[in-house]
């Protein structure tokens, strides 16, 4: 994902899935496309991490936690560059199909 929307949600009464759902609904309304990828701070996935963890590029220190939200088909990944309670959401470049010329 090269371009995305940064969303902030620090509501302590709402779980991660609902926060991503809110961001996805706003993104779809604003841009006319459903997002497919969302980056969050690793601490936001700490409670959801388990069998969905996988090492990125084989490095022990570069753990990427991946969680699929089936309702919207959004892949959620951790990224240390994203601040806590922020969501960088958009369309994964790999999932976009090339347009016909």
PDB file of N, CA and C in Angstrom:
ATOM      1  N   UNK A   1       0.853  -1.168   0.000  1.00  0.00           N
ATOM      2  CA  UNK A   1       0.000   0.000   0.000  1.00  0.00           C
ATOM      3  C   UNK A   1       0.895   1.225   0.000  1.00  0.00           C
ATOM      4  N   UNK A   2       0.741   2.056  -1.005  1.00  0.00           N
ATOM      5  CA  UNK A   2       1.535   3.270  -1.109  1.00  0.00           C
ATOM      6  C   UNK A   2       0.791   4.478  -0.554  1.00  0.00           C
ATOM      7  N   UNK A   3      -0.507   4.508  -0.729  1.00  0.00           N
ATOM      8  CA  UNK A   3      -1.333   5.621  -0.273  1.00  0.00           C
ATOM      9  C   UNK A   3      -2.449   5.068   0.582  1.00  0.00           C
ATOM     10  N   UNK A   4      -2.725   5.729   1.684  1.00  0.00           N
ATOM     11  CA  UNK A   4      -3.804   5.289   2.556  1.00  0.00           C
ATOM     12  C   UNK A   4      -4.358   6.451   3.345  1.00  0.00           C
ATOM     13  N   UNK A   5      -5.336   6.167   4.159  1.00  0.00           N
ATOM     14  CA  UNK A   5      -5.958   7.171   5.000  1.00  0.00           C
ATOM     15  C   UNK A   5      -5.558   6.894   6.448  1.00  0.00           C
ATOM     16  N   UNK A   6      -5.171   7.931   7.172  1.00  0.00           N
ATOM     17  CA  UNK A   6      -4.830   7.776   8.580  1.00  0.00           C
ATOM     18  C   UNK A   6      -6.065   8.086   9.409  1.00  0.00           C
ATOM     19  N   UNK A   7      -6.445   7.136  10.255  1.00  0.00           N
ATOM     20  CA  UNK A   7      -7.656   7.232  11.075  1.00  0.00           C
ATOM     21  C   UNK A   7      -7.245   7.140  12.534  1.00  0.00           C
ATOM     22  N   UNK A   8      -7.864   7.951  13.385  1.00  0.00           N
ATOM     23  CA  UNK A   8      -7.577   7.930  14.814  1.00  0.00           C
ATOM     24  C   UNK A   8      -8.828   7.522  15.570  1.00  0.00           C
ATOM     25  N   UNK A   9      -8.678   6.559  16.488  1.00  0.00           N
ATOM     26  CA  UNK A   9      -9.800   6.126  17.319  1.00  0.00           C
ATOM     27  C   UNK A   9      -9.240   5.623  18.644  1.00  0.00           C
ATOM     28  N   UNK A  10      -9.460   6.383  19.707  1.00  0.00           N
ATOM     29  CA  UNK A  10      -8.951   5.976  21.021  1.00  0.00           C
ATOM     30  C   UNK A  10     -10.079   5.652  21.996  1.00  0.00           C
ATOM     31  N   UNK A  11     -11.228   5.262  21.468  1.00  0.00           N
ATOM     32  CA  UNK A  11     -12.385   4.924  22.301  1.00  0.00           C
ATOM     33  C   UNK A  11     -12.078   3.656  23.099  1.00  0.00           C
ATOM     34  N   UNK A  12     -11.955   3.747  24.430  1.00  0.00           N
ATOM     35  CA  UNK A  12     -11.603   2.563  25.219  1.00  0.00           C
ATOM     36  C   UNK A  12     -12.740   1.552  25.351  1.00  0.00           C
ATOM     37  N   UNK A  13     -13.946   1.931  24.982  1.00  0.00           N
ATOM     38  CA  UNK A  13     -15.110   1.047  25.115  1.00  0.00           C
ATOM     39  C   UNK A  13     -15.303   0.135  23.908  1.00  0.00           C
ATOM     40  N   UNK A  14     -14.501   0.339  22.878  1.00  0.00           N
ATOM     41  CA  UNK A  14     -14.692  -0.366  21.610  1.00  0.00           C
ATOM     42  C   UNK A  14     -13.487  -1.250  21.317  1.00  0.00           C
ATOM     43  N   UNK A  15     -13.741  -2.458  20.808  1.00  0.00           N
ATOM     44  CA  UNK A  15     -12.643  -3.376  20.491  1.00  0.00           C
ATOM     45  C   UNK A  15     -11.997  -3.020  19.145  1.00  0.00           C
ATOM     46  N   UNK A  16     -10.889  -3.666  18.845  1.00  0.00           N
ATOM     47  CA  UNK A  16     -10.115  -3.378  17.637  1.00  0.00           C
ATOM     48  C   UNK A  16     -10.933  -3.597  16.372  1.00  0.00           C
ATOM     49  N   UNK A  17     -11.691  -4.683  16.309  1.00  0.00           N
ATOM     50  CA  UNK A  17     -12.480  -4.973  15.107  1.00  0.00           C
ATOM     51  C   UNK A  17     -13.466  -3.844  14.799  1.00  0.00           C
ATOM     52  N   UNK A  18     -14.111  -3.320  15.821  1.00  0.00           N
ATOM     53  CA  UNK A  18     -15.077  -2.247  15.626  1.00  0.00           C
ATOM     54  C   UNK A  18     -14.395  -0.967  15.173  1.00  0.00           C
ATOM     55  N   UNK A  19     -13.233  -0.688  15.713  1.00  0.00           N
ATOM     56  CA  UNK A  19     -12.491   0.505  15.304  1.00  0.00           C
ATOM     57  C   UNK A  19     -12.095   0.420  13.834  1.00  0.00           C
ATOM     58  N   UNK A  20     -11.650  -0.763  13.420  1.00  0.00           N
ATOM     59  CA  UNK A  20     -11.273  -0.945  12.015  1.00  0.00           C
ATOM     60  C   UNK A  20     -12.513  -0.882  11.138  1.00  0.00           C
ATOM     61  N   UNK A  21     -13.615  -1.415  11.611  1.00  0.00           N
ATOM     62  CA  UNK A  21     -14.868  -1.343  10.861  1.00  0.00           C
ATOM     63  C   UNK A  21     -15.290   0.108  10.647  1.00  0.00           C
ATOM     64  N   UNK A  22     -15.181   0.924  11.685  1.00  0.00           N
ATOM     65  CA  UNK A  22     -15.516   2.351  11.559  1.00  0.00           C
ATOM     66  C   UNK A  22     -14.648   3.025  10.502  1.00  0.00           C
ATOM     67  N   UNK A  23     -13.353   2.750  10.571  1.00  0.00           N
ATOM     68  CA  UNK A  23     -12.422   3.337   9.608  1.00  0.00           C
ATOM     69  C   UNK A  23     -12.725   2.860   8.192  1.00  0.00           C
ATOM     70  N   UNK A  24     -13.035   1.580   8.045  1.00  0.00           N
ATOM     71  CA  UNK A  24     -13.327   1.011   6.725  1.00  0.00           C
ATOM     72  C   UNK A  24     -14.598   1.604   6.122  1.00  0.00           C
ATOM     73  N   UNK A  25     -15.615   1.788   6.945  1.00  0.00           N
ATOM     74  CA  UNK A  25     -16.856   2.378   6.450  1.00  0.00           C
ATOM     75  C   UNK A  25     -16.637   3.816   5.985  1.00  0.00           C
ATOM     76  N   UNK A  26     -15.879   4.577   6.750  1.00  0.00           N
ATOM     77  CA  UNK A  26     -15.583   5.951   6.363  1.00  0.00           C
ATOM     78  C   UNK A  26     -14.749   5.982   5.085  1.00  0.00           C
ATOM     79  N   UNK A  27     -13.747   5.104   5.009  1.00  0.00           N
ATOM     80  CA  UNK A  27     -12.882   5.038   3.826  1.00  0.00           C
ATOM     81  C   UNK A  27     -13.707   4.734   2.578  1.00  0.00           C
ATOM     82  N   UNK A  28     -14.582   3.740   2.673  1.00  0.00           N
ATOM     83  CA  UNK A  28     -15.403   3.343   1.523  1.00  0.00           C
ATOM     84  C   UNK A  28     -16.330   4.478   1.097  1.00  0.00           C
ATOM     85  N   UNK A  29     -16.890   5.183   2.063  1.00  0.00           N
ATOM     86  CA  UNK A  29     -17.791   6.297   1.746  1.00  0.00           C
ATOM     87  C   UNK A  29     -17.023   7.437   1.083  1.00  0.00           C
ATOM     88  N   UNK A  30     -15.847   7.736   1.594  1.00  0.00           N
ATOM     89  CA  UNK A  30     -15.061   8.864   1.095  1.00  0.00           C
ATOM     90  C   UNK A  30     -14.408   8.583  -0.261  1.00  0.00           C
ATOM     91  N   UNK A  31     -13.859   7.376  -0.432  1.00  0.00           N
ATOM     92  CA  UNK A  31     -13.075   7.081  -1.637  1.00  0.00           C
ATOM     93  C   UNK A  31     -13.761   6.154  -2.631  1.00  0.00           C
ATOM     94  N   UNK A  32     -14.891   5.572  -2.265  1.00  0.00           N
ATOM     95  CA  UNK A  32     -15.630   4.728  -3.193  1.00  0.00           C
ATOM     96  C   UNK A  32     -15.032   3.349  -3.406  1.00  0.00           C
ATOM     97  N   UNK A  33     -14.098   2.953  -2.578  1.00  0.00           N
ATOM     98  CA  UNK A  33     -13.473   1.626  -2.655  1.00  0.00           C
ATOM     99  C   UNK A  33     -13.441   1.031  -1.262  1.00  0.00           C
ATOM    100  N   UNK A  34     -13.553  -0.275  -1.184  1.00  0.00           N
ATOM    101  CA  UNK A  34     -13.410  -0.950   0.102  1.00  0.00           C
ATOM    102  C   UNK A  34     -11.927  -1.176   0.384  1.00  0.00           C
ATOM    103  N   UNK A  35     -11.462  -0.820   1.572  1.00  0.00           N
ATOM    104  CA  UNK A  35     -10.052  -1.053   1.890  1.00  0.00           C
ATOM    105  C   UNK A  35      -9.767  -2.540   2.057  1.00  0.00           C
ATOM    106  N   UNK A  36      -8.521  -2.911   1.807  1.00  0.00           N
ATOM    107  CA  UNK A  36      -8.126  -4.310   1.924  1.00  0.00           C
ATOM    108  C   UNK A  36      -6.973  -4.509   2.896  1.00  0.00           C
ATOM    109  N   UNK A  37      -6.373  -3.413   3.361  1.00  0.00           N
ATOM    110  CA  UNK A  37      -5.202  -3.517   4.227  1.00  0.00           C
ATOM    111  C   UNK A  37      -5.230  -2.412   5.272  1.00  0.00           C
ATOM    112  N   UNK A  38      -4.854  -2.760   6.497  1.00  0.00           N
ATOM    113  CA  UNK A  38      -4.812  -1.790   7.583  1.00  0.00           C
ATOM    114  C   UNK A  38      -3.578  -2.057   8.440  1.00  0.00           C
ATOM    115  N   UNK A  39      -2.783  -1.005   8.664  1.00  0.00           N
ATOM    116  CA  UNK A  39      -1.626  -1.096   9.541  1.00  0.00           C
ATOM    117  C   UNK A  39      -1.957  -0.454  10.872  1.00  0.00           C
ATOM    118  N   UNK A  40      -1.557  -1.117  11.962  1.00  0.00           N
ATOM    119  CA  UNK A  40      -1.759  -0.609  13.315  1.00  0.00           C
ATOM    120  C   UNK A  40      -0.461  -0.792  14.098  1.00  0.00           C
ATOM    121  N   UNK A  41      -0.354  -0.112  15.235  1.00  0.00           N
ATOM    122  CA  UNK A  41       0.807  -0.271  16.105  1.00  0.00           C
ATOM    123  C   UNK A  41       0.793  -1.689  16.680  1.00  0.00           C
ATOM    124  N   UNK A  42       1.952  -2.305  16.864  1.00  0.00           N
ATOM    125  CA  UNK A  42       2.001  -3.680  17.397  1.00  0.00           C
ATOM    126  C   UNK A  42       1.284  -3.861  18.731  1.00  0.00           C
ATOM    127  N   UNK A  43       1.268  -2.850  19.562  1.00  0.00           N
ATOM    128  CA  UNK A  43       0.600  -2.980  20.855  1.00  0.00           C
ATOM    129  C   UNK A  43      -0.905  -3.178  20.713  1.00  0.00           C
ATOM    130  N   UNK A  44      -1.456  -2.756  19.604  1.00  0.00           N
ATOM    131  CA  UNK A  44      -2.893  -2.904  19.388  1.00  0.00           C
ATOM    132  C   UNK A  44      -3.262  -4.336  19.026  1.00  0.00           C
ATOM    133  N   UNK A  45      -2.295  -5.105  18.562  1.00  0.00           N
ATOM    134  CA  UNK A  45      -2.532  -6.506  18.223  1.00  0.00           C
ATOM    135  C   UNK A  45      -2.068  -7.448  19.326  1.00  0.00           C
ATOM    136  N   UNK A  46      -1.518  -6.899  20.399  1.00  0.00           N
ATOM    137  CA  UNK A  46      -0.946  -7.733  21.460  1.00  0.00           C
ATOM    138  C   UNK A  46      -1.960  -8.719  22.031  1.00  0.00           C
ATOM    139  N   UNK A  47      -3.191  -8.295  22.213  1.00  0.00           N
ATOM    140  CA  UNK A  47      -4.212  -9.179  22.781  1.00  0.00           C
ATOM    141  C   UNK A  47      -4.784 -10.156  21.767  1.00  0.00           C
ATOM    142  N   UNK A  48      -4.591  -9.882  20.485  1.00  0.00           N
ATOM    143  CA  UNK A  48      -5.154 -10.746  19.461  1.00  0.00           C
ATOM    144  C   UNK A  48      -4.105 -11.672  18.860  1.00  0.00           C
ATOM    145  N   UNK A  49      -2.849 -11.519  19.254  1.00  0.00           N
ATOM    146  CA  UNK A  49      -1.769 -12.320  18.674  1.00  0.00           C
ATOM    147  C   UNK A  49      -1.822 -13.754  19.190  1.00  0.00           C
ATOM    148  N   UNK A  50      -1.656 -14.678  18.285  1.00  0.00           N
ATOM    149  CA  UNK A  50      -1.547 -16.091  18.650  1.00  0.00           C
ATOM    150  C   UNK A  50      -1.138 -16.862  17.419  1.00  0.00           C
ATOM    151  N   UNK A  51      -2.047 -17.634  16.881  1.00  0.00           N
ATOM    152  CA  UNK A  51      -1.717 -18.465  15.718  1.00  0.00           C
ATOM    153  C   UNK A  51      -1.562 -17.639  14.454  1.00  0.00           C
ATOM    154  N   UNK A  52      -1.951 -16.370  14.474  1.00  0.00           N
ATOM    155  CA  UNK A  52      -1.881 -15.535  13.279  1.00  0.00           C
ATOM    156  C   UNK A  52      -0.533 -14.846  13.126  1.00  0.00           C
ATOM    157  N   UNK A  53       0.409 -15.068  14.032  1.00  0.00           N
ATOM    158  CA  UNK A  53       1.714 -14.440  13.943  1.00  0.00           C
ATOM    159  C   UNK A  53       2.583 -15.175  12.935  1.00  0.00           C
ATOM    160  N   UNK A  54       3.401 -14.397  12.242  1.00  0.00           N
ATOM    161  CA  UNK A  54       4.362 -15.004  11.336  1.00  0.00           C
ATOM    162  C   UNK A  54       5.574 -14.087  11.208  1.00  0.00           C
ATOM    163  N   UNK A  55       6.770 -14.650  11.124  1.00  0.00           N
ATOM    164  CA  UNK A  55       7.958 -13.808  10.985  1.00  0.00           C
ATOM    165  C   UNK A  55       8.031 -13.229   9.578  1.00  0.00           C
ATOM    166  N   UNK A  56       8.454 -11.974   9.497  1.00  0.00           N
ATOM    167  CA  UNK A  56       8.612 -11.330   8.202  1.00  0.00           C
ATOM    168  C   UNK A  56      10.081 -11.375   7.814  1.00  0.00           C
ATOM    169  N   UNK A  57      10.376 -11.770   6.611  1.00  0.00           N
ATOM    170  CA  UNK A  57      11.732 -11.839   6.085  1.00  0.00           C
ATOM    171  C   UNK A  57      12.645 -12.711   6.936  1.00  0.00           C
ATOM    172  N   UNK A  58      12.068 -13.608   7.723  1.00  0.00           N
ATOM    173  CA  UNK A  58      12.860 -14.558   8.470  1.00  0.00           C
ATOM    174  C   UNK A  58      13.568 -14.013   9.693  1.00  0.00           C
ATOM    175  N   UNK A  59      13.459 -12.715   9.950  1.00  0.00           N
ATOM    176  CA  UNK A  59      14.158 -12.134  11.097  1.00  0.00           C
ATOM    177  C   UNK A  59      13.378 -12.330  12.379  1.00  0.00           C
ATOM    178  N   UNK A  60      14.080 -12.678  13.437  1.00  0.00           N
ATOM    179  CA  UNK A  60      13.419 -12.917  14.717  1.00  0.00           C
ATOM    180  C   UNK A  60      12.862 -11.637  15.317  1.00  0.00           C
ATOM    181  N   UNK A  61      13.506 -10.505  15.054  1.00  0.00           N
ATOM    182  CA  UNK A  61      13.057  -9.229  15.613  1.00  0.00           C
ATOM    183  C   UNK A  61      12.016  -8.533  14.749  1.00  0.00           C
ATOM    184  N   UNK A  62      11.727  -9.046  13.591  1.00  0.00           N
ATOM    185  CA  UNK A  62      10.779  -8.383  12.693  1.00  0.00           C
ATOM    186  C   UNK A  62       9.481  -9.178  12.606  1.00  0.00           C
ATOM    187  N   UNK A  63       8.860  -9.380  13.755  1.00  0.00           N
ATOM    188  CA  UNK A  63       7.622 -10.148  13.813  1.00  0.00           C
ATOM    189  C   UNK A  63       6.459  -9.318  13.289  1.00  0.00           C
ATOM    190  N   UNK A  64       5.758  -9.851  12.326  1.00  0.00           N
ATOM    191  CA  UNK A  64       4.567  -9.204  11.794  1.00  0.00           C
ATOM    192  C   UNK A  64       3.380 -10.012  12.255  1.00  0.00           C
ATOM    193  N   UNK A  65       2.443  -9.362  12.887  1.00  0.00           N
ATOM    194  CA  UNK A  65       1.237 -10.032  13.329  1.00  0.00           C
ATOM    195  C   UNK A  65       0.155  -9.739  12.303  1.00  0.00           C
ATOM    196  N   UNK A  66      -0.505 -10.780  11.835  1.00  0.00           N
ATOM    197  CA  UNK A  66      -1.519 -10.622  10.811  1.00  0.00           C
ATOM    198  C   UNK A  66      -2.832 -11.165  11.333  1.00  0.00           C
ATOM    199  N   UNK A  67      -3.887 -10.404  11.145  1.00  0.00           N
ATOM    200  CA  UNK A  67      -5.217 -10.830  11.555  1.00  0.00           C
ATOM    201  C   UNK A  67      -6.171 -10.502  10.412  1.00  0.00           C
ATOM    202  N   UNK A  68      -6.942 -11.460   9.979  1.00  0.00           N
ATOM    203  CA  UNK A  68      -7.903 -11.214   8.917  1.00  0.00           C
ATOM    204  C   UNK A  68      -9.271 -10.924   9.511  1.00  0.00           C
ATOM    205  N   UNK A  69      -9.884  -9.871   9.040  1.00  0.00           N
ATOM    206  CA  UNK A  69     -11.236  -9.535   9.453  1.00  0.00           C
ATOM    207  C   UNK A  69     -12.133  -9.907   8.284  1.00  0.00           C
ATOM    208  N   UNK A  70     -12.853 -10.986   8.440  1.00  0.00           N
ATOM    209  CA  UNK A  70     -13.608 -11.552   7.329  1.00  0.00           C
ATOM    210  C   UNK A  70     -14.789 -10.699   6.898  1.00  0.00           C
ATOM    211  N   UNK A  71     -15.334  -9.897   7.793  1.00  0.00           N
ATOM    212  CA  UNK A  71     -16.494  -9.086   7.440  1.00  0.00           C
ATOM    213  C   UNK A  71     -16.195  -8.167   6.274  1.00  0.00           C
ATOM    214  N   UNK A  72     -15.031  -7.560   6.310  1.00  0.00           N
ATOM    215  CA  UNK A  72     -14.657  -6.635   5.243  1.00  0.00           C
ATOM    216  C   UNK A  72     -13.521  -7.161   4.387  1.00  0.00           C
ATOM    217  N   UNK A  73     -12.957  -8.286   4.743  1.00  0.00           N
ATOM    218  CA  UNK A  73     -11.825  -8.824   3.989  1.00  0.00           C
ATOM    219  C   UNK A  73     -10.594  -7.954   4.128  1.00  0.00           C
ATOM    220  N   UNK A  74     -10.401  -7.360   5.302  1.00  0.00           N
ATOM    221  CA  UNK A  74      -9.278  -6.460   5.544  1.00  0.00           C
ATOM    222  C   UNK A  74      -8.184  -7.224   6.273  1.00  0.00           C
ATOM    223  N   UNK A  75      -6.982  -7.166   5.726  1.00  0.00           N
ATOM    224  CA  UNK A  75      -5.829  -7.764   6.390  1.00  0.00           C
ATOM    225  C   UNK A  75      -5.231  -6.715   7.314  1.00  0.00           C
ATOM    226  N   UNK A  76      -5.049  -7.057   8.570  1.00  0.00           N
ATOM    227  CA  UNK A  76      -4.513  -6.123   9.562  1.00  0.00           C
ATOM    228  C   UNK A  76      -3.096  -6.548   9.908  1.00  0.00           C
ATOM    229  N   UNK A  77      -2.161  -5.614   9.759  1.00  0.00           N
ATOM    230  CA  UNK A  77      -0.749  -5.886  10.043  1.00  0.00           C
ATOM    231  C   UNK A  77      -0.217  -4.873  11.042  1.00  0.00           C
ATOM    232  N   UNK A  78       0.742  -5.303  11.828  1.00  0.00           N
ATOM    233  CA  UNK A  78       1.379  -4.365  12.744  1.00  0.00           C
ATOM    234  C   UNK A  78       2.523  -3.654  12.038  1.00  0.00           C
ATOM    235  N   UNK A  79       2.737  -2.405  12.455  1.00  0.00           N
ATOM    236  CA  UNK A  79       3.822  -1.604  11.908  1.00  0.00           C
ATOM    237  C   UNK A  79       4.237  -0.610  12.982  1.00  0.00           C
ATOM    238  N   UNK A  80       5.498  -0.637  13.351  1.00  0.00           N
ATOM    239  CA  UNK A  80       5.976   0.237  14.431  1.00  0.00           C
ATOM    240  C   UNK A  80       5.918   1.713  14.057  1.00  0.00           C
ATOM    241  N   UNK A  81       5.798   2.026  12.789  1.00  0.00           N
ATOM    242  CA  UNK A  81       5.728   3.423  12.348  1.00  0.00           C
ATOM    243  C   UNK A  81       4.377   4.059  12.636  1.00  0.00           C
ATOM    244  N   UNK A  82       3.367   3.236  12.848  1.00  0.00           N
ATOM    245  CA  UNK A  82       2.023   3.739  13.123  1.00  0.00           C
ATOM    246  C   UNK A  82       1.881   3.921  14.631  1.00  0.00           C
ATOM    247  N   UNK A  83       1.418   5.094  15.046  1.00  0.00           N
ATOM    248  CA  UNK A  83       1.245   5.377  16.469  1.00  0.00           C
ATOM    249  C   UNK A  83       0.079   4.591  17.044  1.00  0.00           C
ATOM    250  N   UNK A  84       0.106   4.310  18.345  1.00  0.00           N
ATOM    251  CA  UNK A  84      -1.041   3.635  18.975  1.00  0.00           C
ATOM    252  C   UNK A  84      -2.333   4.424  18.758  1.00  0.00           C
ATOM    253  N   UNK A  85      -3.420   3.701  18.586  1.00  0.00           N
ATOM    254  CA  UNK A  85      -4.754   4.262  18.337  1.00  0.00           C
ATOM    255  C   UNK A  85      -4.903   4.904  16.966  1.00  0.00           C
ATOM    256  N   UNK A  86      -3.937   4.704  16.094  1.00  0.00           N
ATOM    257  CA  UNK A  86      -4.009   5.191  14.718  1.00  0.00           C
ATOM    258  C   UNK A  86      -4.128   3.993  13.784  1.00  0.00           C
ATOM    259  N   UNK A  87      -4.786   4.189  12.673  1.00  0.00           N
ATOM    260  CA  UNK A  87      -5.023   3.135  11.687  1.00  0.00           C
ATOM    261  C   UNK A  87      -4.670   3.695  10.316  1.00  0.00           C
ATOM    262  N   UNK A  88      -3.706   3.068   9.655  1.00  0.00           N
ATOM    263  CA  UNK A  88      -3.371   3.466   8.296  1.00  0.00           C
ATOM    264  C   UNK A  88      -4.082   2.457   7.398  1.00  0.00           C
ATOM    265  N   UNK A  89      -5.142   2.897   6.756  1.00  0.00           N
ATOM    266  CA  UNK A  89      -6.029   1.985   6.039  1.00  0.00           C
ATOM    267  C   UNK A  89      -6.104   2.379   4.571  1.00  0.00           C
ATOM    268  N   UNK A  90      -6.153   1.360   3.704  1.00  0.00           N
ATOM    269  CA  UNK A  90      -6.230   1.623   2.273  1.00  0.00           C
ATOM    270  C   UNK A  90      -6.339   0.328   1.486  1.00  0.00           C
ATOM    271  N   UNK A  91      -5.993   0.422   0.223  1.00  0.00           N
ATOM    272  CA  UNK A  91      -6.072  -0.725  -0.674  1.00  0.00           C
ATOM    273  C   UNK A  91      -4.669  -1.265  -0.899  1.00  0.00           C
ATOM    274  N   UNK A  92      -4.483  -2.544  -0.661  1.00  0.00           N
ATOM    275  CA  UNK A  92      -3.196  -3.199  -0.876  1.00  0.00           C
ATOM    276  C   UNK A  92      -2.860  -3.154  -2.358  1.00  0.00           C
ATOM    277  N   UNK A  93      -1.690  -2.661  -2.690  1.00  0.00           N
ATOM    278  CA  UNK A  93      -1.270  -2.544  -4.091  1.00  0.00           C
ATOM    279  C   UNK A  93      -1.284  -3.889  -4.800  1.00  0.00           C
ATOM    280  N   UNK A  94      -0.961  -4.962  -4.090  1.00  0.00           N
ATOM    281  CA  UNK A  94      -0.926  -6.297  -4.686  1.00  0.00           C
ATOM    282  C   UNK A  94      -2.321  -6.794  -5.025  1.00  0.00           C
ATOM    283  N   UNK A  95      -3.357  -6.290  -4.326  1.00  0.00           N
ATOM    284  CA  UNK A  95      -4.718  -6.776  -4.574  1.00  0.00           C
ATOM    285  C   UNK A  95      -5.440  -5.968  -5.646  1.00  0.00           C
ATOM    286  N   UNK A  96      -4.833  -4.857  -6.077  1.00  0.00           N
ATOM    287  CA  UNK A  96      -5.462  -4.065  -7.132  1.00  0.00           C
ATOM    288  C   UNK A  96      -5.188  -4.727  -8.477  1.00  0.00           C
ATOM    289  N   UNK A  97      -6.214  -4.851  -9.258  1.00  0.00           N
ATOM    290  CA  UNK A  97      -6.029  -5.436 -10.583  1.00  0.00           C
ATOM    291  C   UNK A  97      -5.655  -4.344 -11.564  1.00  0.00           C
ATOM    292  N   UNK A  98      -4.785  -4.662 -12.529  1.00  0.00           N
ATOM    293  CA  UNK A  98      -4.382  -3.649 -13.506  1.00  0.00           C
ATOM    294  C   UNK A  98      -5.557  -3.268 -14.389  1.00  0.00           C
ATOM    295  N   UNK A  99      -5.617  -2.012 -14.738  1.00  0.00           N
ATOM    296  CA  UNK A  99      -6.698  -1.528 -15.595  1.00  0.00           C
ATOM    297  C   UNK A  99      -6.350  -1.744 -17.048  1.00  0.00           C
ATOM    298  N   UNK A 100      -7.372  -1.996 -17.833  1.00  0.00           N
ATOM    299  CA  UNK A 100      -7.165  -2.227 -19.264  1.00  0.00           C
ATOM    300  C   UNK A 100      -6.875  -0.915 -19.965  1.00  0.00           C
ATOM    301  N   UNK A 101      -5.958  -0.949 -20.921  1.00  0.00           N
ATOM    302  CA  UNK A 101      -5.579   0.281 -21.637  1.00  0.00           C
ATOM    303  C   UNK A 101      -6.466   0.519 -22.822  1.00  0.00           C
TER     304      UNK A 101
END
